[in-house]
Amino acid sequence: MSDRPSVVGVVGLGALGEALLHLLHAAGYDVVGVERELDVLARVDQRMKAADATRGPGAAVTLTNDTAALCRAGLVIEAVTEDLETKTEVLRRLDSVCHDHTVLVSTTASLSLTGLAIASGRPGRTLGLRFLGPAAPDSAAEPVSTAMSDDDAVDALHRLLPTAGLTPVVLGPVPARDATGLVYAFLNRAVALADTGYVGHESLDTAMRLGCGLPLGPLEMLDELGVDGVHSALLELWHRTGDDAFRPAPLLTSMIRAGALGRKTGRGVYRYDELGHRLGAQRPAEGGGEAAGVRTVGVVGSGTMARGIAEVTTTAGLRTVVVARTEEKAGGLHKAVEASLGRAVRRGRVTVECRRTALDLLEVTSDAGALAGCDVVIEATAEDPAVKRSVFERLGSVCRPGAVLATTTSSLSVAACAEAAGRPGHVLGLHFFNPAPAMRLVEVVRTATTRQEVMALGHDLCRRLGKVPVECGDRTGFIVNRLLFPYLADAIRLLERHDVEVEKTDLAVQRGFGFPMGPFALLDTIGLDVSLAILRSLHRAFPEPDFAPPRLLEQLVTQGFLGRKSSHGFHRTPRRAQL
C-alpha cells in the first residue's frame, strides 16, 4: 500500500462529512462522497463546484448515493449519524465493497470503537477519528486505534491527517467526553438565552468571541457542528446523566422541525450561500454620532480597570480626569498609566508621540469636584453595591446636568448601583473587559429608564475608543458572565468524580474546540475568589442549579487557593510565571 491513498472516500455528507470532503479535496486527494439523501448530494455538489470555481479545479470529485463507488478507495471515513445500528450497517457494507487493504475510519464520538471494528468484519483495519469541534483547516482530530489494529492501517491514518490540513492530537476518551459535555451544555445555554430575546444572535456571538477569545460564537459553532447533531448529542447526555443542563433547548427542536440544521443546509441560526459563507453578517459601525460632542471623560477609581480605561480614553484623544480616593492612590495611578504606555510603545502598540499626548490629556486627583465639567463619567470602583451607590450619590451632586454616568459593574444591577445619582435617564452600563487596553468588547447595558440618545452615545463612545459595543438589558451577568460562569461551574463539578484530570480536561477543551484555554486554567486566571463572588451574585439573581457555586470552589477559596495570584489554584503557578 502506498504512503498516500489514491482515492479517499467519505460516507455521510452532513456537517462533518462535507467538511472532511472539502479538506481532502483541497489537499489534492481524489475523493468520493457517498450520501443517500439526494438533496444533500445536490447541495454538496453545488458547493464543491463553487469552491472549484474560486480556487480552480483540482483532483477528481465523485458524489454518489452508491457505496460501490468506493471500491477504489484506499481509505474511507464513515461520518454518518451517531447511531450504533446505522454505523454498523455502513461499515459492513464498506467491508463488502472495498479492497481487503482499505482502511475504514469511523468518526464515532461515543460508541465503542472496538465493537464497531469487530462488527465491520475487518477489526484490524477499522480505526477511529475523533472530532470535538467543527472540522476546519488546522483543527484538531484524534486518531484512535484498538488493540486489534494493524500497524500499517494506523500509520496510514496518521499520515493522512497532516496532509489533509488537520492537526493530530492525543486527548483520551474521558477528557474528550468531558470537554464535549462542557461545551455542548454551554451551547445549549446560549441557544436558550438567545430564545428569550434578551440579546440578538449576532450580539451574543460577538460578545462571547471577543469576551472569551473563542474562535466562533456559540451560535456560529452550533451551525458549524449541525443543529441535529448537537441536539442528538444533548439528548444522549441528558438521558445518560439526568442533568437538565443537557436537556435540549426548545429552539433546537423547533429548528430541526423547520429543517434549519445549520451551515450544511444553508440555514440555521444564520443563513449561508452556496459556498457556505455567512450571509448578512453585521459589521461594526464607525464611531462618531452622539459621541462626537464628548470632550472630557471622568473615571472614578484607582484599580486595574480604572487605570486601563484611563489609558484607553487618553490614547483615543480624550481629556480624562481620574478621581482616586487619596492623593497617594492618585499618584500611583498616574505612574501605572505612564508605565503601561511605556510598555505599549516598546511593543509597537502606540507611538512615542501618542504616549506623550495621552499623558498630557490625563489628570489624576482625589477631588471629585474635578468631574464637574466631564461629559461622561465612568465609575470603576470595587464590585460592592454599597461602594457603588455611595459613588453615584456623589456623582449626582457634582456632575453637570446632562452628563452621562456609567458603571463598569460586571455582575450587579446597573439601575441599583446608579439609583442614588437621581438621574435615571442618563445612566447606563459600560462593562469593559480586563485588560481594558487589549480587550475589544464592551457590554453596553440599558436600564429600564436609559434614554435612547444616552445608549447611542455609549455605543459611539465605545467605537471612538476602538472597542466593539454589544447591547444588552440590565440583568445580572449580562451576556458573557451569564454564559461563561455556569460552564466554569460545570467543570469544577466534574472533579467530584475520581477519573477527572484537570490538565487533560483543559487540553481537550483547548485543542478539541479551539478555546484559548481550558476551564480550569481560565478559573485560575480570573481568580477563584472573583469567580466565587460572581457565581454567588448570579445565583442570587437566578436560583437555579446552573449558577450554584460548587462546594469545591468554596473550599479552595476558604483555604486561600485563589489561582494565579496566589500561585495555587487548580494548577500550580510558579511565581515567576505571573510576571
Protein backbone atom coordinates (compact mmCIF):
# COMPACT_ATOMS: atom_id res chain seq x y z
CA MET A 1 0.00 0.00 0.00
CA SER A 2 1.45 3.43 -0.94
CA ASP A 3 2.12 6.18 1.58
CA ARG A 4 -0.75 8.21 0.15
CA PRO A 5 -4.08 6.58 -0.79
CA SER A 6 -5.01 7.25 -4.42
CA VAL A 7 -8.66 7.75 -3.51
CA VAL A 8 -10.24 8.71 -0.18
CA GLY A 9 -13.92 8.20 0.48
CA VAL A 10 -16.34 9.89 2.85
CA VAL A 11 -19.68 8.30 3.68
CA GLY A 12 -22.29 10.66 5.12
CA LEU A 13 -22.13 14.27 3.93
CA GLY A 14 -23.60 16.05 6.93
CA ALA A 15 -21.72 18.86 8.67
CA LEU A 16 -18.65 16.75 9.50
CA GLY A 17 -18.62 14.64 6.33
CA GLU A 18 -18.92 17.60 3.98
CA ALA A 19 -16.19 19.49 5.84
CA LEU A 20 -13.87 16.48 5.53
CA LEU A 21 -14.67 16.14 1.83
CA HIS A 22 -13.68 19.77 1.23
CA LEU A 23 -10.46 19.42 3.27
CA LEU A 24 -9.39 16.26 1.43
CA HIS A 25 -10.22 17.72 -1.97
CA ALA A 26 -8.34 20.94 -1.19
CA ALA A 27 -5.35 18.80 -0.18
CA GLY A 28 -5.28 17.24 -3.65
CA TYR A 29 -6.90 13.89 -2.92
CA ASP A 30 -9.26 12.26 -5.40
CA VAL A 31 -12.40 11.99 -3.29
CA VAL A 32 -15.61 10.00 -3.41
CA GLY A 33 -18.50 11.31 -1.35
CA VAL A 34 -21.40 8.97 -0.62
CA GLU A 35 -24.75 10.21 0.70
CA ARG A 36 -28.13 8.53 0.47
CA GLU A 37 -30.13 11.80 0.56
CA LEU A 38 -30.30 13.18 -2.99
CA ASP A 39 -30.98 16.77 -1.87
CA VAL A 40 -27.85 16.65 0.29
CA LEU A 41 -25.84 15.34 -2.67
CA ALA A 42 -27.14 18.16 -4.86
CA ARG A 43 -26.24 20.80 -2.26
CA VAL A 44 -22.74 19.41 -1.71
CA ASP A 45 -22.21 19.16 -5.47
CA GLN A 46 -23.14 22.83 -5.85
CA ARG A 47 -20.71 23.84 -3.11
CA MET A 48 -17.87 21.73 -4.49
CA LYS A 49 -18.32 23.29 -7.92
CA ALA A 50 -18.47 26.77 -6.42
CA ALA A 51 -15.27 26.07 -4.49
CA ASP A 52 -13.55 24.83 -7.65
CA ALA A 53 -14.66 27.95 -9.47
CA THR A 54 -12.99 30.03 -6.76
CA ARG A 55 -9.70 28.16 -6.38
CA GLY A 56 -9.56 26.38 -9.75
CA PRO A 57 -10.31 22.74 -10.49
CA GLY A 58 -8.23 20.22 -8.63
CA ALA A 59 -8.37 16.50 -8.04
CA ALA A 60 -11.33 14.37 -9.10
CA VAL A 61 -14.59 14.51 -7.14
CA THR A 62 -17.25 11.82 -7.32
CA LEU A 63 -20.55 12.32 -5.50
CA THR A 64 -22.99 9.45 -5.43
CA ASN A 65 -25.53 7.52 -3.38
CA ASP A 66 -23.91 4.21 -4.33
CA THR A 67 -21.46 2.79 -1.79
CA ALA A 68 -19.99 0.55 -4.52
CA ALA A 69 -18.22 3.64 -5.92
CA LEU A 70 -15.78 3.29 -3.01
CA CYS A 71 -14.24 0.11 -4.42
CA ARG A 72 -11.11 2.04 -5.49
CA ALA A 73 -10.62 3.90 -2.20
CA GLY A 74 -7.56 3.23 -0.06
CA LEU A 75 -9.16 4.82 2.99
CA VAL A 76 -12.83 5.52 3.74
CA ILE A 77 -14.14 7.75 6.52
CA GLU A 78 -17.58 6.94 7.88
CA ALA A 79 -19.32 10.12 9.11
CA VAL A 80 -22.95 9.04 9.40
CA THR A 81 -25.25 9.76 12.34
CA GLU A 82 -24.12 8.66 15.82
CA ASP A 83 -26.26 5.54 15.95
CA LEU A 84 -24.92 2.02 16.54
CA GLU A 85 -27.20 0.30 14.06
CA THR A 86 -26.59 2.86 11.31
CA LYS A 87 -22.81 2.86 11.71
CA THR A 88 -22.66 -0.92 11.87
CA GLU A 89 -24.68 -1.24 8.69
CA VAL A 90 -22.45 1.25 6.84
CA LEU A 91 -19.20 -0.38 8.00
CA ARG A 92 -20.40 -3.85 6.99
CA ARG A 93 -21.40 -2.53 3.57
CA LEU A 94 -17.97 -0.93 3.19
CA ASP A 95 -16.29 -4.21 4.10
CA SER A 96 -18.20 -5.91 1.30
CA VAL A 97 -17.33 -3.40 -1.45
CA CYS A 98 -13.81 -2.23 -0.54
CA HIS A 99 -10.46 -3.95 -1.18
CA ASP A 100 -9.07 -6.01 1.66
CA HIS A 101 -6.31 -3.45 2.24
CA THR A 102 -8.70 -0.47 2.52
CA VAL A 103 -8.66 1.26 5.90
CA LEU A 104 -12.07 2.08 7.37
CA VAL A 105 -12.31 5.02 9.77
CA SER A 106 -15.31 5.76 11.99
CA THR A 107 -15.96 9.23 13.41
CA THR A 108 -17.88 7.87 16.38
CA ALA A 109 -17.74 10.10 19.42
CA SER A 110 -19.49 7.91 21.98
CA LEU A 111 -19.82 4.34 20.68
CA SER A 112 -17.36 1.52 21.31
CA LEU A 113 -14.75 1.58 18.56
CA THR A 114 -13.73 -1.99 19.37
CA GLY A 115 -17.34 -3.10 18.96
CA LEU A 116 -17.67 -1.27 15.64
CA ALA A 117 -14.35 -2.67 14.42
CA ILE A 118 -15.48 -6.23 15.13
CA ALA A 119 -18.90 -5.60 13.61
CA SER A 120 -17.29 -4.22 10.43
CA GLY A 121 -15.76 -7.59 9.58
CA ARG A 122 -12.22 -6.18 9.42
CA PRO A 123 -11.23 -5.36 13.04
CA GLY A 124 -7.56 -4.90 12.19
CA ARG A 125 -8.29 -2.22 9.59
CA THR A 126 -11.11 -0.29 11.26
CA LEU A 127 -9.95 2.75 13.19
CA GLY A 128 -11.49 5.85 14.75
CA LEU A 129 -11.12 9.58 14.16
CA ARG A 130 -12.43 11.76 16.97
CA PHE A 131 -13.50 15.36 16.37
CA LEU A 132 -14.82 17.53 19.16
CA GLY A 133 -15.31 20.84 17.38
CA PRO A 134 -16.05 21.59 13.72
CA ALA A 135 -13.67 20.13 11.13
CA ALA A 136 -11.76 23.01 9.54
CA PRO A 137 -8.20 23.71 8.35
CA ASP A 138 -5.76 23.21 11.25
CA SER A 139 -8.48 21.89 13.56
CA ALA A 140 -7.68 19.06 15.94
CA ALA A 141 -8.50 15.43 15.20
CA GLU A 142 -7.61 12.44 17.35
CA PRO A 143 -6.73 9.19 15.58
CA VAL A 144 -7.94 6.25 17.66
CA SER A 145 -6.91 2.62 17.36
CA THR A 146 -7.79 -0.57 19.21
CA ALA A 147 -5.72 -3.49 20.47
CA MET A 148 -6.57 -5.29 17.21
CA SER A 149 -5.49 -2.51 14.82
CA ASP A 150 -2.90 -3.31 12.13
CA ASP A 151 0.21 -1.16 12.34
CA ASP A 152 0.13 -0.18 8.66
CA ALA A 153 -3.53 0.90 8.97
CA VAL A 154 -2.66 3.10 11.95
CA ASP A 155 0.27 4.57 10.01
CA ALA A 156 -1.98 5.32 7.04
CA LEU A 157 -4.42 7.32 9.15
CA HIS A 158 -1.63 9.19 10.93
CA ARG A 159 -0.08 10.15 7.58
CA LEU A 160 -3.41 11.31 6.17
CA LEU A 161 -4.24 13.88 8.85
CA PRO A 162 -1.46 16.46 8.34
CA THR A 163 -1.70 16.18 4.56
CA ALA A 164 -5.43 16.93 4.85
CA GLY A 165 -4.73 20.05 6.90
CA LEU A 166 -5.72 18.55 10.26
CA THR A 167 -3.71 18.57 13.48
CA PRO A 168 -3.35 15.17 15.15
CA VAL A 169 -3.86 15.28 18.92
CA VAL A 170 -3.96 12.81 21.79
CA LEU A 171 -6.85 13.53 24.15
CA GLY A 172 -8.25 10.27 25.51
CA PRO A 173 -11.88 9.18 25.79
CA VAL A 174 -12.63 10.58 29.26
CA PRO A 175 -11.24 14.11 28.67
CA ALA A 176 -12.87 14.16 25.22
CA ARG A 177 -16.22 13.14 26.70
CA ASP A 178 -15.99 15.71 29.48
CA ALA A 179 -14.92 18.51 27.13
CA THR A 180 -17.82 17.70 24.82
CA GLY A 181 -20.28 17.74 27.71
CA LEU A 182 -18.98 21.09 28.99
CA VAL A 183 -19.08 22.78 25.60
CA TYR A 184 -22.40 21.32 24.49
CA ALA A 185 -24.08 22.46 27.73
CA PHE A 186 -22.57 25.90 27.05
CA LEU A 187 -24.03 25.87 23.52
CA ASN A 188 -27.41 24.77 24.90
CA ARG A 189 -27.50 27.66 27.36
CA ALA A 190 -26.55 30.11 24.61
CA VAL A 191 -29.46 28.88 22.48
CA ALA A 192 -31.83 29.20 25.43
CA LEU A 193 -30.63 32.75 26.16
CA ALA A 194 -31.00 33.73 22.50
CA ASP A 195 -34.53 32.34 22.52
CA THR A 196 -35.55 34.75 25.30
CA GLY A 197 -34.92 37.75 23.05
CA TYR A 198 -32.65 39.27 25.72
CA VAL A 199 -29.85 39.73 23.20
CA GLY A 200 -29.63 39.39 19.42
CA HIS A 201 -27.92 36.40 17.83
CA GLU A 202 -25.10 38.44 16.31
CA SER A 203 -24.53 40.35 19.54
CA LEU A 204 -24.43 37.17 21.60
CA ASP A 205 -21.82 35.60 19.32
CA THR A 206 -19.76 38.79 19.17
CA ALA A 207 -19.78 39.08 22.96
CA MET A 208 -18.57 35.51 23.50
CA ARG A 209 -15.95 35.68 20.75
CA LEU A 210 -14.41 38.92 21.94
CA GLY A 211 -15.09 38.50 25.66
CA CYS A 212 -13.69 34.96 25.87
CA GLY A 213 -11.42 34.78 22.82
CA LEU A 214 -13.43 31.96 21.25
CA PRO A 215 -12.78 31.01 17.61
CA LEU A 216 -16.55 31.01 16.97
CA GLY A 217 -19.51 32.35 18.89
CA PRO A 218 -21.70 29.61 20.38
CA LEU A 219 -24.48 30.06 17.81
CA GLU A 220 -21.93 30.08 14.98
CA MET A 221 -20.43 26.88 16.40
CA LEU A 222 -23.89 25.33 16.57
CA ASP A 223 -24.39 26.00 12.86
CA GLU A 224 -20.95 24.55 12.04
CA LEU A 225 -21.49 21.39 14.08
CA GLY A 226 -25.03 20.88 12.78
CA VAL A 227 -28.15 21.57 14.84
CA ASP A 228 -29.39 17.99 14.53
CA GLY A 229 -26.05 16.54 15.64
CA VAL A 230 -25.84 18.81 18.68
CA HIS A 231 -29.48 18.07 19.56
CA SER A 232 -28.86 14.32 19.32
CA ALA A 233 -25.72 14.55 21.47
CA LEU A 234 -27.52 16.63 24.09
CA LEU A 235 -30.37 14.12 24.25
CA GLU A 236 -27.92 11.28 24.78
CA LEU A 237 -26.13 13.23 27.55
CA TRP A 238 -29.42 14.16 29.20
CA HIS A 239 -30.74 10.60 29.18
CA ARG A 240 -27.44 9.22 30.45
CA THR A 241 -26.83 11.76 33.22
CA GLY A 242 -30.25 13.20 34.06
CA ASP A 243 -28.61 16.64 34.15
CA ASP A 244 -31.07 19.28 32.89
CA ALA A 245 -28.15 21.36 31.56
CA PHE A 246 -28.21 18.89 28.65
CA ARG A 247 -31.97 18.99 28.10
CA PRO A 248 -32.15 20.43 24.56
CA ALA A 249 -33.42 24.00 24.43
CA PRO A 250 -36.86 24.18 22.75
CA LEU A 251 -35.41 26.35 19.99
CA LEU A 252 -33.19 23.47 18.88
CA THR A 253 -36.20 21.21 18.41
CA SER A 254 -38.06 23.95 16.54
CA MET A 255 -35.10 24.46 14.21
CA ILE A 256 -34.91 20.76 13.40
CA ARG A 257 -38.62 20.64 12.59
CA ALA A 258 -38.13 23.62 10.26
CA GLY A 259 -35.17 21.98 8.51
CA ALA A 260 -32.81 24.70 9.78
CA LEU A 261 -29.92 22.35 10.52
CA GLY A 262 -27.05 24.80 10.23
CA ARG A 263 -24.46 25.64 7.64
CA LYS A 264 -24.80 22.26 5.92
CA THR A 265 -28.38 23.08 4.85
CA GLY A 266 -27.72 26.76 4.16
CA ARG A 267 -29.95 27.76 7.06
CA GLY A 268 -29.59 27.50 10.80
CA VAL A 269 -29.28 30.34 13.27
CA TYR A 270 -27.81 32.21 10.29
CA ARG A 271 -28.11 31.84 6.52
CA TYR A 272 -25.34 30.74 4.16
CA ASP A 273 -24.61 30.99 0.44
CA GLU A 274 -23.75 28.11 -1.90
CA LEU A 275 -20.15 28.15 -0.64
CA GLY A 276 -21.30 28.00 2.97
CA HIS A 277 -20.33 31.61 3.69
CA ARG A 278 -22.43 33.62 6.11
CA LEU A 279 -24.99 35.94 4.54
CA GLY A 280 -25.76 39.35 6.01
CA ALA A 281 -23.10 39.35 8.74
CA GLN A 282 -23.08 42.67 10.56
CA ARG A 283 -20.04 44.91 10.57
CA PRO A 284 -19.20 47.24 13.45
CA ALA A 285 -20.31 50.80 12.70
CA GLU A 286 -17.82 53.64 12.68
CA GLY A 287 -17.54 55.95 15.68
CA GLY A 288 -18.88 59.49 15.81
CA GLY A 289 -22.56 60.33 16.07
CA GLU A 290 -23.73 61.09 19.59
CA ALA A 291 -20.20 60.80 20.99
CA ALA A 292 -18.83 63.49 18.67
CA GLY A 293 -19.58 66.07 21.38
CA VAL A 294 -17.69 64.18 24.11
CA ARG A 295 -14.58 66.14 25.01
CA THR A 296 -13.83 65.10 28.58
CA VAL A 297 -14.28 61.74 30.28
CA GLY A 298 -14.20 61.16 34.00
CA VAL A 299 -13.13 57.91 35.65
CA VAL A 300 -13.74 57.11 39.32
CA GLY A 301 -11.43 54.50 40.86
CA SER A 302 -7.76 53.63 41.11
CA GLY A 303 -7.67 49.90 40.45
CA THR A 304 -6.71 47.91 37.36
CA MET A 305 -9.91 48.68 35.47
CA ALA A 306 -9.81 52.41 36.19
CA ARG A 307 -6.17 52.58 35.04
CA GLY A 308 -6.97 50.62 31.90
CA ILE A 309 -9.95 52.80 30.95
CA ALA A 310 -7.91 55.95 31.52
CA GLU A 311 -5.22 54.61 29.19
CA VAL A 312 -7.84 53.81 26.53
CA THR A 313 -9.58 57.20 26.69
CA THR A 314 -6.40 59.26 26.64
CA THR A 315 -4.86 57.33 23.74
CA ALA A 316 -8.15 57.96 21.88
CA GLY A 317 -7.50 61.70 22.28
CA LEU A 318 -9.98 62.45 25.06
CA ARG A 319 -9.14 64.61 28.06
CA THR A 320 -9.54 62.30 31.04
CA VAL A 321 -10.00 63.16 34.71
CA VAL A 322 -9.45 60.25 37.10
CA VAL A 323 -10.60 60.59 40.70
CA ALA A 324 -8.95 58.29 43.24
CA ARG A 325 -9.77 58.03 46.94
CA THR A 326 -6.49 59.57 48.13
CA GLU A 327 -3.66 61.63 46.70
CA GLU A 328 -1.35 58.66 47.27
CA LYS A 329 -3.56 56.42 45.13
CA ALA A 330 -3.83 59.19 42.54
CA GLY A 331 -0.05 59.37 42.25
CA GLY A 332 0.25 55.62 41.98
CA LEU A 333 -2.39 55.51 39.23
CA HIS A 334 -0.59 58.15 37.16
CA LYS A 335 2.67 56.22 37.42
CA ALA A 336 0.91 52.98 36.48
CA VAL A 337 -0.65 54.51 33.34
CA GLU A 338 2.70 56.06 32.41
CA ALA A 339 4.45 52.70 32.81
CA SER A 340 1.76 50.85 30.84
CA LEU A 341 2.01 53.33 27.97
CA GLY A 342 5.79 52.89 28.03
CA ARG A 343 5.34 49.13 27.58
CA ALA A 344 2.86 49.80 24.78
CA VAL A 345 5.48 51.91 22.98
CA ARG A 346 8.09 49.17 23.32
CA ARG A 347 5.63 46.63 21.90
CA GLY A 348 4.75 48.87 18.98
CA ARG A 349 1.10 49.35 20.03
CA VAL A 350 1.36 53.13 20.32
CA THR A 351 3.85 55.73 19.14
CA VAL A 352 6.07 57.88 21.34
CA GLU A 353 4.03 60.92 20.28
CA CYS A 354 0.76 59.17 21.16
CA ARG A 355 2.12 58.33 24.60
CA ARG A 356 3.18 61.93 25.18
CA THR A 357 -0.20 63.26 24.08
CA ALA A 358 -2.07 60.72 26.22
CA LEU A 359 -0.15 61.70 29.35
CA ASP A 360 -0.79 65.38 28.62
CA LEU A 361 -4.53 64.59 28.46
CA LEU A 362 -4.51 62.72 31.79
CA GLU A 363 -5.41 64.46 35.05
CA VAL A 364 -5.41 62.44 38.28
CA THR A 365 -6.77 63.83 41.52
CA SER A 366 -8.57 62.91 44.73
CA ASP A 367 -11.04 65.81 44.33
CA ALA A 368 -14.41 64.62 43.00
CA GLY A 369 -15.23 68.24 42.15
CA ALA A 370 -12.87 67.93 39.17
CA LEU A 371 -15.59 65.83 37.47
CA ALA A 372 -17.95 68.82 37.22
CA GLY A 373 -17.08 69.56 33.59
CA CYS A 374 -17.00 65.99 32.30
CA ASP A 375 -19.35 64.87 29.53
CA VAL A 376 -19.22 61.20 30.55
CA VAL A 377 -18.18 59.78 33.93
CA ILE A 378 -17.33 56.08 34.28
CA GLU A 379 -17.41 54.52 37.75
CA ALA A 380 -14.80 51.73 38.09
CA THR A 381 -14.66 51.04 41.83
CA ALA A 382 -14.91 47.79 43.81
CA GLU A 383 -17.69 45.32 42.90
CA ASP A 384 -19.59 46.22 46.06
CA PRO A 385 -23.16 47.60 45.89
CA ALA A 386 -22.67 49.91 48.87
CA VAL A 387 -19.46 51.38 47.45
CA LYS A 388 -21.02 51.96 44.05
CA ARG A 389 -24.16 53.56 45.45
CA SER A 390 -22.03 55.93 47.51
CA VAL A 391 -20.02 56.92 44.42
CA PHE A 392 -23.14 57.57 42.35
CA GLU A 393 -24.71 59.63 45.13
CA ARG A 394 -21.64 61.87 44.97
CA LEU A 395 -21.70 61.96 41.15
CA GLY A 396 -25.30 63.08 41.20
CA SER A 397 -24.31 66.17 43.13
CA VAL A 398 -21.04 67.15 41.39
CA CYS A 399 -21.63 66.28 37.71
CA ARG A 400 -23.22 68.84 35.39
CA PRO A 401 -26.82 68.36 34.24
CA GLY A 402 -26.97 66.15 31.15
CA ALA A 403 -23.67 64.38 31.89
CA VAL A 404 -23.85 60.65 31.21
CA LEU A 405 -22.99 58.40 34.16
CA ALA A 406 -21.79 54.84 33.57
CA THR A 407 -20.78 51.89 35.75
CA THR A 408 -18.35 49.15 34.82
CA THR A 409 -20.06 46.57 37.04
CA SER A 410 -19.77 43.03 35.74
CA SER A 411 -22.32 41.29 37.96
CA LEU A 412 -24.54 43.86 39.70
CA SER A 413 -27.67 45.70 38.61
CA VAL A 414 -26.77 48.92 36.79
CA ALA A 415 -30.00 50.59 37.91
CA ALA A 416 -29.46 49.63 41.56
CA CYS A 417 -25.86 50.88 41.52
CA ALA A 418 -26.75 54.23 39.97
CA GLU A 419 -30.14 54.92 41.59
CA ALA A 420 -28.58 57.24 44.14
CA ALA A 421 -27.44 59.65 41.41
CA GLY A 422 -31.04 60.73 40.88
CA ARG A 423 -30.79 60.95 37.08
CA PRO A 424 -32.06 57.55 35.81
CA GLY A 425 -32.37 58.56 32.15
CA HIS A 426 -28.68 59.40 31.91
CA VAL A 427 -27.29 56.18 33.39
CA LEU A 428 -26.02 53.08 31.56
CA GLY A 429 -23.57 50.23 32.00
CA LEU A 430 -20.24 50.13 30.19
CA HIS A 431 -18.75 46.77 31.12
CA PHE A 432 -15.15 46.87 29.87
CA PHE A 433 -13.21 43.62 29.94
CA ASN A 434 -9.83 43.26 31.61
CA PRO A 435 -7.26 44.30 30.48
CA ALA A 436 -9.17 47.26 29.04
CA PRO A 437 -6.40 48.43 26.64
CA ALA A 438 -6.28 44.99 24.98
CA MET A 439 -9.84 43.65 25.16
CA ARG A 440 -12.11 44.96 22.40
CA LEU A 441 -15.51 44.10 23.87
CA VAL A 442 -17.70 46.44 25.89
CA GLU A 443 -21.15 45.33 27.04
CA VAL A 444 -23.38 48.41 26.78
CA VAL A 445 -26.18 47.92 29.30
CA ARG A 446 -29.58 49.58 29.05
CA THR A 447 -31.72 50.02 32.16
CA ALA A 448 -35.49 50.37 32.00
CA THR A 449 -35.12 54.16 32.09
CA THR A 450 -31.99 54.80 29.99
CA ARG A 451 -32.72 57.30 27.24
CA GLN A 452 -32.16 56.26 23.62
CA GLU A 453 -29.73 59.12 22.98
CA VAL A 454 -27.69 58.01 26.01
CA MET A 455 -27.46 54.47 24.62
CA ALA A 456 -26.43 55.90 21.24
CA LEU A 457 -23.72 57.93 22.93
CA GLY A 458 -22.49 54.82 24.75
CA HIS A 459 -22.21 52.87 21.51
CA ASP A 460 -20.46 55.71 19.69
CA LEU A 461 -18.05 56.37 22.55
CA CYS A 462 -17.01 52.69 22.57
CA ARG A 463 -16.33 52.81 18.83
CA ARG A 464 -14.34 56.01 19.26
CA LEU A 465 -12.21 54.15 21.80
CA GLY A 466 -11.62 51.36 19.28
CA LYS A 467 -13.97 48.97 21.08
CA VAL A 468 -16.86 46.82 19.85
CA PRO A 469 -20.08 47.62 21.73
CA VAL A 470 -22.68 44.91 22.31
CA GLU A 471 -26.01 45.97 23.76
CA CYS A 472 -27.99 44.06 26.36
CA GLY A 473 -30.50 44.60 29.15
CA ASP A 474 -29.84 45.19 32.83
CA ARG A 475 -29.73 41.61 34.11
CA THR A 476 -27.15 40.10 36.41
CA GLY A 477 -24.18 38.75 34.47
CA PHE A 478 -25.23 40.45 31.22
CA ILE A 479 -24.13 38.19 28.33
CA VAL A 480 -20.60 36.90 28.88
CA ASN A 481 -20.70 36.13 32.60
CA ARG A 482 -24.23 34.74 32.29
CA LEU A 483 -22.94 32.06 29.89
CA LEU A 484 -19.33 31.70 30.99
CA PHE A 485 -19.70 31.01 34.71
CA PRO A 486 -22.18 28.11 34.55
CA TYR A 487 -19.70 26.47 32.14
CA LEU A 488 -16.87 27.04 34.64
CA ALA A 489 -19.01 25.74 37.49
CA ASP A 490 -19.80 22.61 35.45
CA ALA A 491 -16.07 22.00 35.08
CA ILE A 492 -15.49 22.21 38.83
CA ARG A 493 -18.33 19.77 39.49
CA LEU A 494 -16.60 17.23 37.24
CA LEU A 495 -13.93 16.94 39.92
CA GLU A 496 -16.36 15.15 42.19
CA ARG A 497 -15.57 12.09 40.03
CA HIS A 498 -12.36 10.17 40.65
CA ASP A 499 -11.27 9.87 37.00
CA VAL A 500 -11.07 13.56 36.02
CA GLU A 501 -7.65 15.09 35.37
CA VAL A 502 -7.52 18.87 35.31
CA GLU A 503 -4.69 19.18 32.79
CA LYS A 504 -6.19 16.70 30.33
CA THR A 505 -9.66 18.25 30.52
CA ASP A 506 -8.17 21.69 29.85
CA LEU A 507 -6.22 20.29 26.92
CA ALA A 508 -9.30 18.62 25.45
CA VAL A 509 -11.30 21.85 25.53
CA GLN A 510 -8.39 23.86 24.19
CA ARG A 511 -7.26 21.52 21.43
CA GLY A 512 -10.60 19.89 20.65
CA PHE A 513 -12.72 23.05 20.42
CA GLY A 514 -10.09 25.73 19.83
CA PHE A 515 -10.79 27.62 23.07
CA PRO A 516 -7.84 29.82 24.11
CA MET A 517 -7.58 27.95 27.42
CA GLY A 518 -9.38 25.22 29.29
CA PRO A 519 -11.91 25.95 32.05
CA PHE A 520 -9.57 25.29 34.98
CA ALA A 521 -6.78 27.46 33.55
CA LEU A 522 -9.35 30.19 32.94
CA LEU A 523 -10.63 29.96 36.52
CA ASP A 524 -7.06 30.35 37.78
CA THR A 525 -6.58 33.37 35.53
CA ILE A 526 -9.81 35.08 36.60
CA GLY A 527 -9.17 34.26 40.26
CA LEU A 528 -11.09 31.67 42.24
CA ASP A 529 -12.30 34.28 44.72
CA VAL A 530 -13.55 36.53 41.92
CA SER A 531 -15.23 33.54 40.25
CA LEU A 532 -16.92 32.59 43.51
CA ALA A 533 -18.19 36.14 44.03
CA ILE A 534 -19.64 36.27 40.51
CA LEU A 535 -21.31 32.88 40.90
CA ARG A 536 -22.84 33.95 44.21
CA SER A 537 -24.21 37.09 42.56
CA LEU A 538 -25.59 35.09 39.65
CA HIS A 539 -27.16 32.53 41.97
CA ARG A 540 -28.90 35.25 43.97
CA ALA A 541 -30.44 36.53 40.74
CA PHE A 542 -31.05 33.08 39.21
CA PRO A 543 -31.57 30.49 41.97
CA GLU A 544 -31.03 27.55 39.64
CA PRO A 545 -28.51 24.67 39.84
CA ASP A 546 -26.55 26.04 36.85
CA PHE A 547 -25.46 29.07 38.88
CA ALA A 548 -24.90 27.45 42.27
CA PRO A 549 -21.28 27.90 43.46
CA PRO A 550 -19.67 24.43 43.61
CA ARG A 551 -18.69 23.18 47.05
CA LEU A 552 -15.10 22.55 45.93
CA LEU A 553 -14.73 26.18 44.82
CA GLU A 554 -15.95 27.40 48.22
CA GLN A 555 -13.41 25.15 49.95
CA LEU A 556 -10.49 26.26 47.78
CA VAL A 557 -11.18 29.94 48.37
CA THR A 558 -11.55 29.38 52.13
CA GLN A 559 -8.15 27.64 52.12
CA GLY A 560 -6.51 30.54 50.24
CA PHE A 561 -6.17 28.81 46.88
CA LEU A 562 -7.08 31.73 44.63
CA GLY A 563 -5.44 30.85 41.31
CA ARG A 564 -2.52 32.55 39.61
CA LYS A 565 -2.39 35.47 42.03
CA SER A 566 -1.71 33.08 44.94
CA SER A 567 0.39 30.67 42.82
CA HIS A 568 -2.06 27.92 43.73
CA GLY A 569 -5.42 27.10 42.23
CA PHE A 570 -6.43 24.22 40.01
CA HIS A 571 -2.92 24.49 38.58
CA ARG A 572 0.23 25.35 40.50
CA THR A 573 1.73 28.54 39.08
CA PRO A 574 5.39 29.41 39.76
CA ARG A 575 5.76 32.97 41.00
CA ARG A 576 7.93 33.99 38.04
CA ALA A 577 5.20 32.89 35.60
CA GLN A 578 2.89 35.58 36.97
CA LEU A 579 5.05 38.49 35.78
